[in-house]
Protein backbone atom coordinates (compact mmCIF):
# COMPACT_ATOMS: atom_id res chain seq x y z
CA MET A 1 31.97 -20.82 -15.07
CA ILE A 2 28.84 -22.71 -12.64
CA LYS A 3 30.25 -20.91 -9.65
CA LEU A 4 30.22 -17.41 -11.71
CA LEU A 5 26.58 -18.03 -12.75
CA VAL A 6 25.58 -18.73 -9.00
CA LYS A 7 27.28 -15.61 -7.86
CA LEU A 8 25.61 -13.75 -10.50
CA LEU A 9 22.24 -15.08 -9.62
CA ILE A 10 22.51 -14.56 -5.87
CA GLY A 11 23.65 -11.14 -6.74
CA PHE A 12 20.75 -10.56 -8.76
CA ILE A 13 18.16 -11.87 -6.38
CA LEU A 14 19.49 -9.66 -3.61
CA PHE A 15 19.61 -6.60 -5.72
CA CYS A 16 15.77 -7.35 -6.66
CA VAL A 17 15.00 -7.77 -2.80
CA VAL A 18 16.49 -4.48 -2.13
CA ILE A 19 14.84 -2.71 -4.59
CA LEU A 20 11.02 -4.17 -3.61
CA GLY A 21 11.91 -3.38 -0.21
CA HIS A 22 12.86 0.22 -0.95
CA LEU A 23 9.67 0.40 -2.99
CA TYR A 24 7.33 -1.19 -0.38
CA TYR A 25 8.87 0.87 2.50
CA ARG A 26 9.78 4.38 0.81
CA PRO A 27 7.40 7.49 1.69
CA ILE A 28 4.63 7.37 -0.76
CA LYS A 29 3.79 10.41 -2.87
CA ARG A 30 0.27 11.65 -2.18
CA GLY A 31 -2.19 13.04 -4.67
CA GLU A 32 -3.34 16.41 -4.67
CA ALA A 33 -6.80 15.87 -2.92
CA PHE A 34 -5.12 14.41 0.13
CA GLU A 35 -4.95 17.54 2.34
CA GLU A 36 -8.88 17.76 2.05
CA LEU A 37 -9.38 14.43 3.26
CA ASP A 38 -10.60 13.82 6.82
CA TYR A 39 -11.29 10.28 6.71
CA LEU A 40 -11.69 7.45 4.07
CA LYS A 41 -14.76 4.77 4.12
CA ILE A 42 -13.73 1.59 2.60
CA PRO A 43 -16.90 -0.26 1.67
CA ARG A 44 -17.23 -4.04 2.30
CA GLY A 45 -16.58 -6.33 -0.75
CA LEU A 46 -14.13 -4.13 -2.78
CA THR A 47 -11.48 -5.76 -4.73
CA LEU A 48 -7.85 -4.84 -4.52
CA THR A 49 -7.99 -2.84 -7.62
CA GLU A 50 -11.15 -1.07 -6.59
CA VAL A 51 -9.46 0.05 -2.97
CA ALA A 52 -6.33 1.11 -5.01
CA CYS A 53 -8.45 3.26 -7.30
CA LEU A 54 -10.44 4.49 -4.40
CA LEU A 55 -7.26 5.51 -2.58
CA ARG A 56 -6.01 7.04 -5.44
CA GLY A 57 -8.98 9.09 -6.11
CA LYS A 58 -8.73 10.33 -2.52
CA GLY A 59 -5.17 11.30 -2.88
CA VAL A 60 -3.84 8.71 -0.39
CA ILE A 61 -1.53 7.12 -2.96
CA GLY A 62 -0.12 8.57 -6.09
CA GLU A 63 -0.07 5.21 -8.23
CA GLU A 64 -2.45 2.11 -7.97
CA PRO A 65 -0.21 -0.46 -9.94
CA ARG A 66 2.68 -0.16 -7.09
CA PHE A 67 -0.12 -0.73 -4.39
CA VAL A 68 -1.89 -3.49 -6.26
CA PHE A 69 1.63 -5.27 -7.06
CA PHE A 70 2.56 -5.45 -3.64
CA GLY A 71 -0.86 -6.44 -2.42
CA GLN A 72 -0.97 -9.54 -4.89
CA ILE A 73 2.66 -10.32 -4.37
CA LEU A 74 2.45 -10.30 -0.47
CA GLY A 75 -1.10 -11.71 -0.29
CA LYS A 76 -2.39 -8.87 1.46
CA SER A 77 -5.14 -8.28 -0.75
CA LYS A 78 -7.63 -10.74 1.13
CA ASN A 79 -7.37 -9.16 4.61
CA ILE A 80 -8.51 -5.61 3.57
CA LYS A 81 -11.29 -4.87 6.14
CA ALA A 82 -14.08 -2.42 5.49
CA GLY A 83 -14.15 0.79 7.69
CA LYS A 84 -13.41 4.56 7.76
CA TYR A 85 -9.81 5.18 7.77
CA ASP A 86 -7.76 8.06 8.71
CA PHE A 87 -4.61 7.87 6.46
CA SER A 88 -2.71 10.91 7.73
CA LYS A 89 0.07 9.22 9.56
CA THR A 90 0.73 6.53 6.79
CA ARG A 91 4.04 7.11 5.22
CA SER A 92 4.44 3.84 3.08
CA ILE A 93 2.45 1.08 1.26
CA ALA A 94 3.59 -0.96 4.24
CA ASP A 95 1.86 1.51 6.49
CA ILE A 96 -1.42 1.66 4.50
CA TYR A 97 -1.60 -2.35 4.29
CA SER A 98 -1.02 -2.56 8.02
CA LEU A 99 -3.81 -0.16 8.48
CA LEU A 100 -6.17 -1.70 6.08
CA GLN A 101 -5.72 -5.00 7.67
CA LYS A 102 -6.26 -3.76 11.41
CA GLY A 103 -9.63 -2.27 10.30
CA GLY A 104 -11.02 1.30 10.47
CA ASN A 105 -9.17 3.68 12.67
CA ALA A 106 -11.08 7.11 12.02
CA THR A 107 -12.22 9.21 15.14
CA ILE A 108 -15.41 10.93 13.99
CA PHE A 109 -16.55 13.50 16.22
CA VAL A 110 -20.31 14.41 16.44
CA THR A 111 -21.20 17.82 17.79
């Protein structure tokens, strides 16, 4: 009986890891405003929830809760850097967090 419970518990944990991994790395659904976005400025001092709200408002992410959840669970919320970002090549939450932790990457042309 105990062996069965251990196997079920291990199976459940593996299932959760696979599902969470899929949600973290799968392509994100962009909001409608994304097509118009050249770059996005993330000001200094924003909380993770405020950054998520800004990203959703500009169409970079489709839903805030998933973004905030992974930021809190994986401890990525404390390493977000202010700057101007180009999110055109980001495909997943993992890509967005990677970019936000490296710092601004937007190239701005002055004519």
